[in-house]
Protein backbone atom coordinates (compact mmCIF):
# COMPACT_ATOMS: atom_id res chain seq x y z
CA UNK A 1 65.60 -22.27 -49.41
CA UNK A 2 62.77 -20.24 -47.79
CA UNK A 3 59.50 -19.62 -49.64
CA UNK A 4 58.40 -15.99 -49.20
CA UNK A 5 54.72 -15.05 -49.65
CA UNK A 6 53.27 -11.84 -51.05
CA UNK A 7 53.56 -8.46 -49.32
CA UNK A 8 56.08 -9.68 -46.70
CA UNK A 9 58.16 -7.13 -44.76
CA UNK A 10 61.57 -8.51 -43.72
CA UNK A 11 63.60 -6.31 -41.39
CA UNK A 12 67.28 -5.65 -42.03
CA UNK A 13 69.76 -8.16 -40.65
CA UNK A 14 67.19 -10.95 -40.39
CA UNK A 15 68.10 -14.56 -41.14
CA UNK A 16 65.65 -17.08 -42.59
CA UNK A 17 67.09 -20.55 -42.05
CA UNK A 18 66.08 -23.73 -43.88
CA UNK A 19 63.11 -24.61 -46.05
CA UNK A 20 60.58 -22.52 -44.14
CA UNK A 21 57.47 -20.81 -45.49
CA UNK A 22 56.65 -17.18 -44.74
CA UNK A 23 52.96 -16.44 -45.31
CA UNK A 24 51.36 -13.49 -47.03
CA UNK A 25 51.39 -10.11 -45.24
CA UNK A 26 53.84 -11.34 -42.56
CA UNK A 27 56.25 -8.99 -40.79
CA UNK A 28 59.68 -10.13 -39.60
CA UNK A 29 61.44 -7.78 -37.20
CA UNK A 30 64.99 -6.55 -37.73
CA UNK A 31 67.79 -8.94 -36.68
CA UNK A 32 65.36 -11.82 -36.13
CA UNK A 33 66.37 -15.44 -36.72
CA UNK A 34 63.47 -17.34 -38.26
CA UNK A 35 63.77 -21.14 -38.17
CA UNK A 36 60.06 -22.10 -38.28
CA UNK A 37 57.16 -21.33 -40.61
CA UNK A 38 55.51 -17.92 -40.23
CA UNK A 39 51.75 -17.91 -40.88
CA UNK A 40 49.80 -15.33 -42.87
CA UNK A 41 49.22 -11.94 -41.20
CA UNK A 42 51.68 -12.58 -38.35
CA UNK A 43 54.47 -10.47 -36.84
CA UNK A 44 57.56 -12.24 -35.45
CA UNK A 45 60.66 -10.87 -33.69
CA UNK A 46 63.65 -12.13 -31.74
CA UNK A 47 66.30 -14.83 -31.66
CA UNK A 48 64.77 -17.27 -32.27
CA UNK A 49 61.75 -15.48 -33.77
CA UNK A 50 58.51 -15.68 -31.79
CA UNK A 51 55.01 -14.48 -32.65
CA UNK A 52 54.24 -11.14 -31.03
CA UNK A 53 51.15 -10.16 -32.99
CA UNK A 54 48.52 -11.81 -35.14
CA UNK A 55 47.63 -9.03 -37.60
CA UNK A 56 44.01 -8.69 -38.59
CA UNK A 57 42.78 -7.25 -41.83
CA UNK A 58 39.69 -5.04 -41.79
């Protein structure tokens, strides 16, 4: 079962597969298939999901 951090935005139709960890403030695009850990402050999209942006807090 996935572990979801705080303030995570998961787009509709997305699939999180396995015992992955999604870090705080991550964004997962709609219809993405996530099969690896997603680090804090990162945006991922696609099938399979790939990092497209490393978000930075000011």
